[in-house]
C-alpha cells in the first residue's frame, strides 16, 4: 500500500528523511520555509529541502504561516494520509495536526523526553551526554511532547563535533522514519508510547553570544562547548589579548596554579590555557580574517607566546 505523504522540513538534516519518505510512497507536496537571504550578497536562497524536492519533481509550498484558513484548505485539498515533519521551523496548530488521516509524525534528534526543542544535538554534546538517538514521534500541540512510536540509539564519540553527530543522526532519523512507514504500509501502525514525565530537558536555540568561552569555567565544560559549537557558532576565546575562533581543543585534567585565561604552556601539541579547573589545550584555531590553522602554525606567527 502506497501512502499519500505531505513532507514538511527545511534544513540539511531533513533531506535524508525526505528521501526516505519518497521511497515506496507518494509524496504529494513538500512544505518548507520561504527562501531566505544568505551569503555575502544576501541573495534569496532556497532551503536544502526545497532543492531536493525540486530535483525530484515534487510540488513545493512555502507559506509564511500555517495558522490561516487558506493554509488549512490547501493541506486538506492534498488529502494526505500522513504529514511527516522534520526540522520544519514553523509551529503546527491543532487545526493542521487534525487534517491527515493518520496524523502527523515528527523525526527528532534526541532520546525523548531528553532534549526537547531546537538544538538537541548541540545541547547533548555540551552537557556531556554519551548517548543520543533518533525518535519518531506522533505530534501533538505541545513542543516535542507527543508519544514516541520508534526509537534508535547511538553513542556520542568522545571527540565528536555537533556537525559530525548531525550527519549521523540525520541518517539514523531517516532510517527510523523508513521503518515506521514500512510498518504502516504493512498495516501495522507503530505503538505509541507516552513520554515519561521525568527526565524532560529543553534544548534551547543556540545564540551567537554563547560562543565566547569563559576561562573561569572547568576545562572539561569548555572542551564540550568547542565540540558543540562546531560548525556554528564556533567557540571563541581571548589568547594573550587576541580574540580567536577555536575549532579544536581538549581538556587537560592536571592541576594548574594560574589565573583562568593564563597561558601555562605552549608547544606543538597545543596551547594550554588555565581554566577554573584544569586547562584547555587549544589545538586548532582561527585568527580574524584567516583560516583555521594548527596551534603550531599559530605559535610560529606569535613567537612571544612560545614557552616550550
Protein backbone atom coordinates (compact mmCIF):
# COMPACT_ATOMS: atom_id res chain seq x y z
CA UNK A 1 0.00 0.00 0.00
CA UNK A 2 1.43 3.35 -1.04
CA UNK A 3 0.88 6.24 1.38
CA UNK A 4 -0.03 9.79 0.40
CA UNK A 5 2.54 11.82 2.33
CA UNK A 6 2.98 15.54 2.79
CA UNK A 7 6.53 16.30 3.94
CA UNK A 8 7.49 19.43 5.91
CA UNK A 9 11.15 20.25 6.52
CA UNK A 10 13.78 22.89 5.86
CA UNK A 11 17.49 22.29 6.66
CA UNK A 12 20.01 19.71 5.51
CA UNK A 13 19.11 17.47 8.45
CA UNK A 14 15.68 16.83 6.90
CA UNK A 15 16.92 15.84 3.43
CA UNK A 16 17.65 12.15 4.18
CA UNK A 17 14.17 11.85 5.73
CA UNK A 18 12.58 13.33 2.59
CA UNK A 19 14.39 10.71 0.54
CA UNK A 20 13.13 8.00 2.89
CA UNK A 21 9.56 9.31 2.67
CA UNK A 22 9.72 9.27 -1.13
CA UNK A 23 10.64 5.59 -1.27
CA UNK A 24 7.60 3.38 -1.99
CA UNK A 25 5.25 6.24 -1.06
CA UNK A 26 3.64 9.13 -2.90
CA UNK A 27 4.91 12.49 -1.64
CA UNK A 28 2.13 14.76 -2.85
CA UNK A 29 3.71 18.01 -1.63
CA UNK A 30 6.71 19.36 0.25
CA UNK A 31 6.37 22.24 2.68
CA UNK A 32 9.49 24.25 3.51
CA UNK A 33 10.42 27.69 4.80
CA UNK A 34 10.34 30.62 2.35
CA UNK A 35 13.61 31.41 0.59
CA UNK A 36 15.86 33.50 2.86
CA UNK A 37 18.78 35.90 2.18
CA UNK A 38 22.13 34.13 2.54
CA UNK A 39 25.79 34.62 1.71
CA UNK A 40 27.72 37.84 1.26
CA UNK A 41 25.38 39.01 -1.47
CA UNK A 42 22.31 38.28 0.68
CA UNK A 43 20.59 36.72 -2.32
CA UNK A 44 17.37 34.79 -1.70
CA UNK A 45 18.39 31.16 -1.26
CA UNK A 46 16.16 28.06 -1.29
CA UNK A 47 16.35 25.62 1.60
CA UNK A 48 18.14 22.27 1.19
CA UNK A 49 14.76 20.52 1.37
CA UNK A 50 13.38 22.68 -1.44
CA UNK A 51 16.38 21.88 -3.63
CA UNK A 52 15.90 18.15 -3.02
CA UNK A 53 12.17 18.39 -3.72
CA UNK A 54 12.72 20.26 -6.99
CA UNK A 55 15.32 17.71 -8.05
CA UNK A 56 12.70 15.02 -7.53
CA UNK A 57 9.98 16.98 -9.32
CA UNK A 58 7.84 17.31 -6.17
CA UNK A 59 5.43 20.23 -5.65
CA UNK A 60 6.80 22.78 -3.16
CA UNK A 61 4.76 25.06 -0.89
CA UNK A 62 6.37 27.84 1.19
CA UNK A 63 3.74 29.54 3.35
CA UNK A 64 4.82 32.12 5.92
CA UNK A 65 2.38 30.60 8.41
CA UNK A 66 0.09 27.61 8.82
CA UNK A 67 -2.40 29.42 11.03
CA UNK A 68 -4.74 30.69 8.31
CA UNK A 69 -7.83 29.18 6.74
CA UNK A 70 -6.06 29.28 3.39
CA UNK A 71 -3.28 27.09 4.79
CA UNK A 72 -5.76 24.60 6.22
CA UNK A 73 -7.70 24.42 2.96
CA UNK A 74 -4.51 23.91 0.93
CA UNK A 75 -3.40 20.99 3.12
CA UNK A 76 -6.85 19.43 3.22
CA UNK A 77 -7.03 19.55 -0.59
CA UNK A 78 -3.94 17.33 -0.77
CA UNK A 79 -5.83 14.56 1.06
CA UNK A 80 -2.74 13.32 2.91
CA UNK A 81 -2.66 10.05 4.76
CA UNK A 82 0.25 11.34 6.82
CA UNK A 83 2.17 14.57 7.44
CA UNK A 84 5.87 13.99 8.15
CA UNK A 85 7.68 16.88 9.85
CA UNK A 86 11.46 17.11 10.20
CA UNK A 87 13.02 20.37 11.44
CA UNK A 88 10.43 22.42 9.57
CA UNK A 89 10.69 25.58 11.67
CA UNK A 90 7.02 26.58 11.84
CA UNK A 91 4.57 25.74 14.60
CA UNK A 92 1.73 23.47 13.55
CA UNK A 93 -1.60 24.42 15.14
CA UNK A 94 -4.03 21.71 16.20
CA UNK A 95 -6.23 22.52 13.21
CA UNK A 96 -3.35 21.40 10.94
CA UNK A 97 -2.47 18.34 13.03
CA UNK A 98 -6.05 17.12 12.73
CA UNK A 99 -6.13 17.04 8.90
CA UNK A 100 -4.04 13.98 7.86
CA UNK A 101 -5.92 10.68 8.12
CA UNK A 102 -3.13 9.03 10.12
CA UNK A 103 -1.97 12.15 11.93
CA UNK A 104 1.43 13.82 11.91
CA UNK A 105 4.84 12.26 12.56
CA UNK A 106 8.00 14.05 13.61
CA UNK A 107 11.62 12.90 13.42
CA UNK A 108 13.54 14.31 16.40
CA UNK A 109 17.29 14.08 17.06
CA UNK A 110 17.29 13.02 20.71
CA UNK A 111 16.04 10.34 23.07
CA UNK A 112 12.82 11.99 24.19
CA UNK A 113 11.91 13.38 26.66
CA UNK A 114 15.55 14.45 26.95
CA UNK A 115 16.38 17.49 24.83
CA UNK A 116 13.05 18.66 23.51
CA UNK A 117 13.42 21.80 21.45
CA UNK A 118 15.52 23.42 18.77
CA UNK A 119 19.12 22.31 19.44
CA UNK A 120 19.12 18.74 20.78
CA UNK A 121 22.35 17.71 19.06
CA UNK A 122 24.42 20.59 20.39
CA UNK A 123 22.95 20.52 23.90
CA UNK A 124 23.61 16.79 24.24
CA UNK A 125 27.32 17.31 23.50
CA UNK A 126 27.52 20.41 25.68
CA UNK A 127 26.01 18.50 28.61
CA UNK A 128 28.48 15.65 28.26
CA UNK A 129 25.93 13.02 27.20
CA UNK A 130 27.50 9.79 25.99
CA UNK A 131 24.39 8.54 24.17
CA UNK A 132 21.72 10.04 21.94
CA UNK A 133 19.45 8.82 19.19
CA UNK A 134 16.51 9.50 16.91
CA UNK A 135 12.85 9.32 17.82
CA UNK A 136 9.82 9.01 15.58
CA UNK A 137 7.08 10.84 17.45
CA UNK A 138 3.33 11.27 17.00
CA UNK A 139 2.88 15.03 17.02
CA UNK A 140 0.58 16.91 19.37
CA UNK A 141 0.21 20.58 20.23
CA UNK A 142 3.00 20.63 22.87
CA UNK A 143 6.67 21.13 21.99
CA UNK A 144 8.07 17.64 21.29
CA UNK A 145 5.76 16.15 23.92
CA UNK A 146 3.92 13.59 21.79
CA UNK A 147 4.13 9.83 22.26
CA UNK A 148 7.14 8.05 20.79
CA UNK A 149 6.47 5.49 18.04
CA UNK A 150 10.01 4.23 17.36
CA UNK A 151 13.45 4.95 18.79
CA UNK A 152 17.01 4.15 17.77
CA UNK A 153 20.07 4.85 19.91
CA UNK A 154 23.71 5.66 19.17
CA UNK A 155 26.81 6.52 21.18
CA UNK A 156 28.31 10.01 21.03
CA UNK A 157 32.01 9.86 20.20
CA UNK A 158 34.41 11.30 22.77
CA UNK A 159 35.77 13.81 20.23
CA UNK A 160 32.67 14.11 18.02
CA UNK A 161 31.55 17.58 16.97
CA UNK A 162 27.98 18.71 16.52
CA UNK A 163 28.48 18.70 12.76
CA UNK A 164 29.65 15.10 12.72
CA UNK A 165 26.88 13.95 15.04
CA UNK A 166 24.33 15.90 12.96
CA UNK A 167 25.17 13.86 9.87
CA UNK A 168 24.96 10.54 11.69
CA UNK A 169 21.66 11.44 13.33
CA UNK A 170 20.19 12.67 10.04
CA UNK A 171 20.84 9.23 8.57
CA UNK A 172 19.55 7.47 11.69
CA UNK A 173 16.42 9.60 11.73
CA UNK A 174 15.74 8.75 8.11
CA UNK A 175 16.11 5.05 8.84
CA UNK A 176 13.75 5.33 11.81
CA UNK A 177 11.18 7.05 9.61
CA UNK A 178 11.60 4.40 6.91
CA UNK A 179 10.98 1.68 9.50
CA UNK A 180 7.79 3.39 10.67
CA UNK A 181 6.49 3.89 7.14
CA UNK A 182 7.23 0.24 6.38
CA UNK A 183 5.06 -0.80 9.30
CA UNK A 184 2.24 1.43 8.09
CA UNK A 185 2.37 0.00 4.58
CA UNK A 186 2.18 -3.47 6.10
CA UNK A 187 -0.93 -2.48 8.03
CA UNK A 188 0.87 -2.46 11.39
CA UNK A 189 0.74 1.00 12.91
CA UNK A 190 3.62 1.60 15.39
CA UNK A 191 2.55 1.51 19.02
CA UNK A 192 2.55 4.98 20.59
CA UNK A 193 4.45 5.11 23.89
CA UNK A 194 3.74 8.20 26.05
CA UNK A 195 6.83 10.08 27.12
CA UNK A 196 7.64 9.77 30.83
CA UNK A 197 7.18 12.88 32.94
CA UNK A 198 10.62 12.55 34.50
CA UNK A 199 13.84 13.26 32.62
CA UNK A 200 12.49 16.02 30.37
CA UNK A 201 15.01 18.69 29.40
CA UNK A 202 14.80 21.62 26.99
CA UNK A 203 17.37 22.21 24.23
CA UNK A 204 17.18 25.96 23.78
CA UNK A 205 18.22 27.51 20.48
CA UNK A 206 21.90 28.36 20.08
CA UNK A 207 22.85 32.02 20.34
CA UNK A 208 25.95 33.69 18.91
CA UNK A 209 26.68 35.21 22.33
CA UNK A 210 27.31 31.72 23.72
CA UNK A 211 30.38 31.33 21.53
CA UNK A 212 32.70 33.32 23.83
CA UNK A 213 34.39 30.94 26.27
CA UNK A 214 34.65 31.89 29.94
CA UNK A 215 38.04 30.67 31.17
CA UNK A 216 36.69 30.57 34.75
CA UNK A 217 34.62 27.51 33.81
CA UNK A 218 36.06 23.99 34.10
CA UNK A 219 38.21 22.92 31.17
CA UNK A 220 36.06 19.87 30.50
CA UNK A 221 32.97 22.10 30.10
CA UNK A 222 34.81 24.37 27.66
CA UNK A 223 36.05 21.41 25.61
CA UNK A 224 32.46 20.26 25.25
CA UNK A 225 31.39 23.72 24.12
CA UNK A 226 34.08 23.73 21.44
CA UNK A 227 32.66 20.47 20.06
CA UNK A 228 29.03 21.53 20.49
CA UNK A 229 29.51 24.87 18.70
CA UNK A 230 31.17 23.33 15.62
CA UNK A 231 30.15 24.14 12.87
CA UNK A 232 28.15 27.05 14.38
CA UNK A 233 28.58 29.46 16.08
CA UNK A 234 32.22 28.29 16.62
CA UNK A 235 33.74 28.85 20.04
CA UNK A 236 35.81 31.98 20.61
CA UNK A 237 38.37 32.88 23.24
CA UNK A 238 40.93 35.51 24.13
CA UNK A 239 44.51 34.26 23.89
CA UNK A 240 47.08 36.76 25.17
CA UNK A 241 44.97 39.70 24.06
CA UNK A 242 43.83 38.31 20.70
CA UNK A 243 40.30 37.08 20.08
CA UNK A 244 40.39 33.86 18.06
CA UNK A 245 37.93 31.21 17.00
CA UNK A 246 38.63 27.77 18.45
CA UNK A 247 37.93 24.79 16.21
CA UNK A 248 39.63 22.05 18.19
CA UNK A 249 40.52 21.67 21.88
CA UNK A 250 40.73 19.08 24.63
CA UNK A 251 40.62 19.29 28.42
CA UNK A 252 43.84 18.68 30.37
CA UNK A 253 42.98 17.37 33.83
CA UNK A 254 46.21 18.33 35.60
CA UNK A 255 46.21 20.92 38.39
CA UNK A 256 47.10 24.40 37.18
CA UNK A 257 48.39 27.06 39.56
CA UNK A 258 47.48 30.09 37.45
CA UNK A 259 44.62 32.51 37.00
CA UNK A 260 41.95 31.48 34.46
CA UNK A 261 42.86 32.67 30.98
CA UNK A 262 46.63 32.45 31.59
CA UNK A 263 48.74 30.55 29.08
CA UNK A 264 50.59 27.92 31.11
CA UNK A 265 52.32 26.02 28.32
CA UNK A 266 52.76 26.10 24.55
CA UNK A 267 54.15 23.52 22.18
CA UNK A 268 53.43 21.55 19.03
CA UNK A 269 50.61 19.73 20.85
CA UNK A 270 48.75 22.97 21.50
CA UNK A 271 48.32 25.99 23.71
CA UNK A 272 47.37 25.16 27.30
CA UNK A 273 45.19 27.80 28.94
CA UNK A 274 44.33 27.77 32.65
CA UNK A 275 40.65 27.36 33.43
CA UNK A 276 38.57 27.33 36.58
CA UNK A 277 39.50 23.67 36.86
CA UNK A 278 42.27 22.15 34.77
CA UNK A 279 43.46 23.58 31.47
CA UNK A 280 42.13 23.72 27.91
CA UNK A 281 44.60 22.66 25.23
CA UNK A 282 43.75 24.62 22.07
CA UNK A 283 44.85 22.61 19.04
CA UNK A 284 43.12 24.26 16.04
CA UNK A 285 42.24 27.96 15.89
CA UNK A 286 41.48 30.79 13.51
CA UNK A 287 42.64 34.40 13.57
CA UNK A 288 40.36 37.21 12.39
CA UNK A 289 40.19 37.17 8.60
CA UNK A 290 42.25 33.99 8.37
CA UNK A 291 41.63 30.29 8.03
CA UNK A 292 41.73 27.52 10.60
CA UNK A 293 45.33 26.55 11.45
CA UNK A 294 47.10 24.31 13.94
CA UNK A 295 48.37 25.71 17.22
CA UNK A 296 51.93 25.09 15.98
CA UNK A 297 51.36 27.35 12.96
CA UNK A 298 49.76 29.99 15.20
CA UNK A 299 52.76 29.94 17.50
CA UNK A 300 55.10 30.41 14.54
CA UNK A 301 53.34 33.74 13.96
CA UNK A 302 53.35 34.63 17.67
CA UNK A 303 56.79 33.72 18.93
CA UNK A 304 56.20 35.83 22.04
CA UNK A 305 53.91 33.04 23.30
CA UNK A 306 56.29 30.14 22.96
CA UNK A 307 57.13 28.52 26.29
CA UNK A 308 58.22 25.02 25.21
